[in-house]
Protein backbone atom coordinates (compact mmCIF):
# COMPACT_ATOMS: atom_id res chain seq x y z
CA MET A 1 45.35 -24.28 -58.62
CA SER A 2 46.93 -27.43 -57.26
CA LEU A 3 45.59 -29.18 -54.18
CA THR A 4 48.83 -28.46 -52.36
CA LYS A 5 48.47 -24.69 -52.92
CA GLN A 6 44.80 -24.78 -51.76
CA LEU A 7 45.81 -26.47 -48.53
CA ASN A 8 48.58 -23.96 -47.95
CA ILE A 9 46.11 -21.07 -48.36
CA LEU A 10 43.73 -22.61 -45.81
CA LYS A 11 46.58 -22.74 -43.32
CA ARG A 12 46.63 -18.93 -43.17
CA PRO A 13 45.12 -17.75 -39.77
CA ALA A 14 42.59 -15.28 -41.20
CA LEU A 15 41.19 -17.76 -43.67
CA ARG A 16 41.01 -20.52 -41.06
CA TRP A 17 38.89 -18.18 -38.86
CA LEU A 18 36.55 -17.30 -41.76
CA VAL A 19 35.98 -20.94 -42.67
CA SER A 20 35.19 -21.85 -39.06
CA VAL A 21 32.66 -19.00 -38.77
CA LEU A 22 30.89 -19.99 -42.00
CA PHE A 23 30.81 -23.60 -40.89
CA SER A 24 29.26 -22.62 -37.52
CA LEU A 25 26.62 -20.43 -39.17
CA GLY A 26 25.64 -23.28 -41.44
CA ILE A 27 25.17 -25.60 -38.47
CA SER A 28 23.09 -22.94 -36.62
CA VAL A 29 20.79 -22.38 -39.57
CA LEU A 30 20.20 -26.09 -39.99
CA ALA A 31 19.51 -26.53 -36.29
CA SER A 32 17.06 -23.63 -36.08
CA ALA A 33 15.20 -24.88 -39.12
CA GLN A 34 14.47 -28.11 -37.28
CA LEU A 35 13.14 -26.43 -34.08
CA PRO A 36 9.34 -26.37 -33.64
CA ALA A 37 7.60 -22.98 -33.46
CA PRO A 38 7.03 -21.65 -29.91
CA THR A 39 3.60 -22.36 -28.51
CA VAL A 40 1.50 -20.13 -26.20
CA SER A 41 0.81 -22.00 -22.98
CA ALA A 42 -2.54 -21.83 -21.26
CA PRO A 43 -2.82 -19.25 -18.43
CA GLN A 44 -1.55 -20.65 -15.16
CA PRO A 45 -3.31 -19.95 -11.86
CA ALA A 46 -1.62 -17.38 -9.63
CA ARG A 47 -0.14 -18.51 -6.33
CA ALA A 48 -3.25 -19.55 -4.41
CA ASN A 49 -1.66 -20.02 -1.00
CA SER A 50 0.16 -16.71 -0.59
CA ALA A 51 -0.77 -13.05 -0.45
CA ILE A 52 -0.66 -11.50 -3.91
CA LEU A 53 -0.15 -7.97 -5.18
CA LEU A 54 -2.93 -7.50 -7.71
CA GLU A 55 -0.93 -4.97 -9.73
CA THR A 56 1.76 -7.56 -10.56
CA LEU A 57 -0.67 -9.92 -12.32
CA SER A 58 -1.93 -10.05 -15.87
CA TRP A 59 -5.70 -10.10 -16.31
CA ASP A 60 -5.84 -13.84 -17.00
CA GLU A 61 -3.91 -14.52 -13.79
CA ALA A 62 -6.22 -12.16 -11.88
CA GLU A 63 -9.20 -14.13 -13.18
CA HIS A 64 -8.03 -17.19 -11.24
CA ILE A 65 -7.59 -15.45 -7.89
CA LEU A 66 -10.52 -12.98 -7.78
CA THR A 67 -13.05 -15.50 -6.50
CA PRO A 68 -16.02 -15.19 -4.11
CA ASP A 69 -13.83 -16.54 -1.30
CA THR A 70 -11.03 -14.02 -1.84
CA VAL A 71 -10.43 -11.27 0.73
CA VAL A 72 -9.18 -8.08 -0.92
CA ILE A 73 -7.00 -5.64 1.05
CA ILE A 74 -6.74 -1.99 0.01
CA ALA A 75 -4.35 0.32 1.85
CA LEU A 76 -5.44 3.95 2.31
CA GLY A 77 -2.92 6.64 3.20
CA ALA A 78 -2.62 10.33 2.30
CA GLU A 79 0.40 11.13 0.16
CA SER A 80 -0.06 14.88 0.44
CA LYS A 81 -1.24 15.89 3.93
CA GLU A 82 0.62 17.94 6.53
CA HIS A 83 2.11 16.25 9.58
CA GLY A 84 3.78 19.07 11.41
CA ARG A 85 7.19 20.44 10.51
CA HIS A 86 9.03 17.28 11.45
CA LEU A 87 7.18 14.71 9.32
CA GLN A 88 6.69 14.53 5.56
CA LEU A 89 3.49 15.18 3.63
CA ASN A 90 3.48 11.53 2.55
CA ASN A 91 3.58 10.29 6.15
CA ASP A 92 0.31 8.32 5.99
CA PHE A 93 1.24 6.84 2.61
CA LEU A 94 4.55 5.58 4.01
CA MET A 95 2.67 4.03 6.92
CA ALA A 96 0.08 2.44 4.62
CA GLU A 97 2.76 0.96 2.37
CA TYR A 98 4.64 -0.44 5.37
CA LEU A 99 1.52 -2.04 6.84
CA LYS A 100 0.62 -3.42 3.42
CA LYS A 101 4.00 -5.16 3.23
CA ARG A 102 3.49 -6.62 6.69
CA VAL A 103 0.13 -8.02 5.60
CA LEU A 104 1.71 -9.48 2.45
CA ALA A 105 4.38 -11.17 4.53
CA ALA A 106 2.05 -12.56 7.20
CA THR A 107 -1.22 -13.38 5.46
CA GLN A 108 -2.13 -16.15 3.06
CA SER A 109 -4.83 -16.30 0.41
CA VAL A 110 -5.53 -12.56 0.23
CA VAL A 111 -5.20 -10.16 -2.67
CA VAL A 112 -3.70 -6.72 -2.04
CA ALA A 113 -4.95 -4.04 -4.43
CA PRO A 114 -3.09 -0.76 -5.18
CA THR A 115 -2.88 1.83 -2.41
CA ILE A 116 -5.30 4.77 -2.41
CA ASN A 117 -3.42 8.00 -1.70
CA TYR A 118 -6.23 10.60 -1.51
CA SER A 119 -9.29 10.85 0.75
CA PHE A 120 -11.26 13.07 3.13
CA TYR A 121 -8.85 15.25 5.19
CA PRO A 122 -10.56 18.64 5.68
CA ALA A 123 -8.84 19.45 9.01
CA PHE A 124 -5.44 20.25 7.51
CA LEU A 125 -6.14 22.51 4.54
CA GLU A 126 -4.60 25.65 6.09
CA TYR A 127 -1.18 24.02 5.73
CA PRO A 128 0.36 24.17 2.22
CA GLY A 129 0.58 20.88 0.38
CA SER A 130 -2.40 19.35 2.18
CA THR A 131 -5.18 17.94 0.00
CA SER A 132 -8.68 16.67 0.65
CA LEU A 133 -11.53 15.17 -1.31
CA SER A 134 -15.10 15.96 -0.38
CA MET A 135 -16.74 13.33 1.80
CA ALA A 136 -19.04 12.35 -1.07
CA THR A 137 -16.09 11.91 -3.44
CA ALA A 138 -14.08 9.95 -0.88
CA ARG A 139 -17.02 7.63 -0.25
CA ALA A 140 -17.74 7.22 -3.97
CA MET A 141 -14.11 6.44 -4.76
CA ILE A 142 -14.14 3.59 -2.24
CA THR A 143 -17.47 2.19 -3.45
CA ASP A 144 -16.49 2.46 -7.12
CA ILE A 145 -13.17 0.67 -6.63
CA ILE A 146 -14.74 -2.09 -4.55
CA ARG A 147 -17.68 -2.58 -6.89
CA SER A 148 -15.28 -2.86 -9.81
CA LEU A 149 -13.34 -5.65 -8.09
CA ALA A 150 -16.47 -7.31 -6.69
CA HIS A 151 -17.72 -7.65 -10.26
CA TYR A 152 -15.08 -10.40 -10.72
CA GLY A 153 -16.09 -12.37 -7.63
CA PRO A 154 -14.76 -11.07 -4.27
CA ARG A 155 -17.33 -10.04 -1.66
CA ARG A 156 -15.09 -9.26 1.34
CA PHE A 157 -12.88 -6.16 1.46
CA TYR A 158 -10.64 -4.62 4.09
CA ILE A 159 -9.39 -1.03 3.98
CA LEU A 160 -6.03 -0.74 5.70
CA ASN A 161 -6.88 2.73 6.97
CA THR A 162 -4.29 5.14 8.39
CA GLY A 163 -6.52 8.15 9.02
CA ILE A 164 -9.17 9.39 11.45
CA SER A 165 -11.35 11.67 9.31
CA THR A 166 -11.49 8.85 6.75
CA LEU A 167 -13.66 6.82 9.13
CA ARG A 168 -16.79 8.77 8.18
CA PRO A 169 -16.73 8.12 4.41
CA LEU A 170 -15.60 4.53 5.07
CA ALA A 171 -18.61 3.93 7.33
CA GLN A 172 -20.90 5.37 4.66
CA ALA A 173 -19.27 3.21 1.99
CA ALA A 174 -19.65 0.07 4.13
CA ALA A 175 -23.37 0.73 4.62
CA GLU A 176 -23.88 1.34 0.89
CA LEU A 177 -21.93 -1.74 -0.19
CA ALA A 178 -23.84 -3.96 2.23
CA THR A 179 -26.93 -3.48 0.06
CA ASP A 180 -24.96 -5.19 -2.74
CA GLY A 181 -24.10 -8.16 -0.53
CA ILE A 182 -20.52 -6.90 -0.02
CA VAL A 183 -18.75 -6.72 3.36
CA LEU A 184 -16.35 -3.84 3.97
CA HIS A 185 -14.28 -3.64 7.16
CA TYR A 186 -11.48 -1.18 7.92
CA THR A 187 -8.84 -0.24 10.48
CA ASP A 188 -10.17 2.05 13.21
CA LEU A 189 -7.31 3.95 14.87
CA THR A 190 -9.67 5.51 17.42
CA LYS A 191 -10.07 2.20 19.25
CA ASP A 192 -8.11 1.97 22.49
CA ASP A 193 -4.83 0.10 22.22
CA PRO A 194 -3.55 -1.03 25.64
CA VAL A 195 0.06 -0.88 24.40
CA GLU A 196 -0.29 2.71 23.24
CA LYS A 197 -2.18 3.68 26.39
CA LYS A 198 0.63 2.31 28.55
CA LEU A 199 3.41 4.07 26.61
CA ARG A 200 1.80 7.46 25.93
CA GLN A 201 3.16 10.31 28.06
CA SER A 202 1.22 13.20 26.52
CA GLY A 203 -2.04 14.00 24.74
CA GLY A 204 -2.68 14.77 21.10
CA THR A 205 -3.63 12.76 18.04
CA HIS A 206 -1.76 14.19 15.04
CA ALA A 207 1.99 14.10 14.34
CA ASP A 208 2.22 13.61 18.07
CA GLU A 209 4.34 11.46 20.35
CA ILE A 210 2.81 8.17 19.19
CA GLU A 211 2.62 8.84 15.44
CA THR A 212 6.16 10.20 15.42
CA SER A 213 7.37 7.16 17.38
CA MET A 214 5.74 4.89 14.80
CA MET A 215 7.54 6.67 11.98
CA LEU A 216 10.87 6.43 13.82
CA TYR A 217 10.33 2.66 13.62
CA ILE A 218 8.75 2.45 10.16
CA ALA A 219 10.71 5.06 8.19
CA PRO A 220 13.27 6.85 10.39
CA GLU A 221 14.77 8.61 7.38
CA SER A 222 11.48 10.55 6.99
CA VAL A 223 11.54 12.02 10.53
CA ARG A 224 13.25 15.35 11.31
CA MET A 225 13.39 15.28 15.08
CA LYS A 226 15.35 18.56 15.23
CA LYS A 227 12.21 20.30 13.95
CA ALA A 228 9.85 18.56 16.39
CA LEU A 229 8.14 20.91 18.88
CA LYS A 230 5.49 20.44 21.53
CA ASP A 231 2.25 21.89 20.14
CA LEU A 232 -0.70 20.93 22.32
CA ASN A 233 -3.10 23.84 22.59
CA PRO A 234 -6.66 23.20 23.84
CA ASN A 235 -8.81 21.16 21.50
CA GLN A 236 -11.48 23.27 19.79
CA PRO A 237 -14.25 22.29 17.35
CA GLY A 238 -13.08 22.30 13.75
CA GLY A 239 -9.78 21.42 12.16
CA LEU A 240 -6.29 22.65 12.94
CA THR A 241 -5.63 26.34 12.31
CA ARG A 242 -2.53 28.52 12.03
CA ASP A 243 -4.56 31.54 13.17
CA PRO A 244 -4.59 32.07 16.98
CA GLN A 245 -8.06 33.61 16.61
CA GLY A 246 -9.26 31.15 13.98
CA LYS A 247 -11.93 28.48 14.18
CA GLY A 248 -10.55 25.16 15.36
CA THR A 249 -7.52 24.03 17.36
CA TYR A 250 -4.64 26.49 17.16
CA SER A 251 -1.48 24.80 15.90
CA PRO A 252 1.36 26.91 14.49
CA THR A 253 3.33 23.76 13.62
CA GLY A 254 0.53 21.62 12.19
CA ALA A 255 1.04 18.98 14.89
CA TRP A 256 -1.22 18.38 17.86
CA GLY A 257 0.73 16.75 20.66
CA ASP A 258 4.31 16.49 21.87
CA PRO A 259 6.47 14.72 19.27
CA THR A 260 9.62 15.52 21.27
CA LEU A 261 8.70 12.53 23.49
CA ALA A 262 8.82 10.10 20.56
CA THR A 263 11.19 7.13 20.57
CA ARG A 264 11.78 4.24 18.20
CA GLU A 265 11.13 1.78 21.04
CA LYS A 266 7.65 3.18 21.62
CA GLY A 267 7.03 3.07 17.90
CA GLN A 268 8.05 -0.56 17.62
CA ALA A 269 5.70 -1.61 20.41
CA VAL A 270 2.74 0.34 18.99
CA VAL A 271 3.31 -0.76 15.39
CA GLU A 272 3.61 -4.44 16.30
CA SER A 273 0.41 -4.20 18.33
CA LEU A 274 -1.34 -2.52 15.39
CA VAL A 275 -0.15 -5.20 12.96
CA THR A 276 -1.54 -7.88 15.27
CA THR A 277 -4.89 -6.07 15.34
CA ILE A 278 -4.99 -5.72 11.55
CA LEU A 279 -4.21 -9.39 10.98
CA LYS A 280 -6.98 -10.36 13.40
CA ASP A 281 -9.37 -7.98 11.61
CA ILE A 282 -8.58 -9.69 8.31
CA ASP A 283 -9.01 -13.16 9.74
CA ASP A 284 -12.35 -12.17 11.29
CA LEU A 285 -13.45 -10.71 7.97
CA SER A 286 -12.69 -13.96 6.15
CA HIS A 287 -15.27 -15.68 8.40
CA THR A 288 -17.88 -12.91 8.33
CA PRO A 289 -21.21 -13.95 6.76
CA LEU A 290 -22.17 -12.00 3.67
CA PRO A 291 -25.19 -9.68 3.95
CA PRO A 292 -28.13 -10.41 1.65
CA ALA A 293 -28.13 -8.22 -1.44
CA LYS A 294 -31.11 -5.90 -1.66
C-alpha cells in the first residue's frame, strides 16, 4: 500500500480515535513502570491536644494516646429503660451521647471511650422494655472495661453518668479500682444544683419536670408532650410499680413527677449548668493524686 493511501486511512475519524487511545495507553504504561512502589509510613501520633473518640483510632494510634497522663471519659446511659409514656426508652442514652459530644467539643487531651448502654436499673422492671443488670454485673462491667484500658497506661477515669441507681455499683467499682492505683470519678445527679433548685416547680426525680425539660433542649424530637401527665404519688420504699397495692411508689405512667411543667428554657439552663459541673469534675480529676496500688 502506498504512503498516500496509508495517510488517507489514518484520516478516518474512527481510526484516528483508536490510534490516540493506543498512544495514551503506551505512555501510561511507561509512566507507571517508572513509579516507585508505595511505602508504609510509620504510625503517626493521634491528635494530642484535642479530645479523641477512642473508637475512631487504629490500635497503633491508640498506643500513642493511652498514656499514664491520659484522662479517659466513658459515658453511661440506659438505652432500654422506661421514662414514662412521653419519653423514649433510650432517653438516658440520648442524654449520655449529647453530654459526651459536649465534652469532646470543650475538653482537650482526653480520650472518650464507647458509651455503655446497660447498667443497674432495678426500679423500672415492671414497665415493658426496661432492662437491668445485677449490681454485681454492673460493677464488674465497669471494673473490667477500666482495667482493660488501664493496662495500656491511663490511671484516671470519669464515668459520665446519667442515672441514680447506677451510683451504687459505681461507688463499689471506684473502691475496688483504687486498690489497683486507679482513680474513678463519676457524675452524681443527686447533688444539689442551684439552677435546678431555682427553676423546679414540682417534686419527683424520674421523667419529671426537670428531666423532660432537659430532653426538650437536648433532643426535642424524642419528647411526646401530648402524652405527658402529672404522676406524683407518695414516695414509697422500692421501685416504681404499676400496681396500686404493690410494693414501691405507685406510678401508672412510669414517671414520677409533673412533666407537664417542662419547658425548653428550663432544660437549657439545667443542661448548661450540668455541663459546667462535668467539665469541672474532669479538670479536678486530671489533678487528682493517684492512690497507691495495694
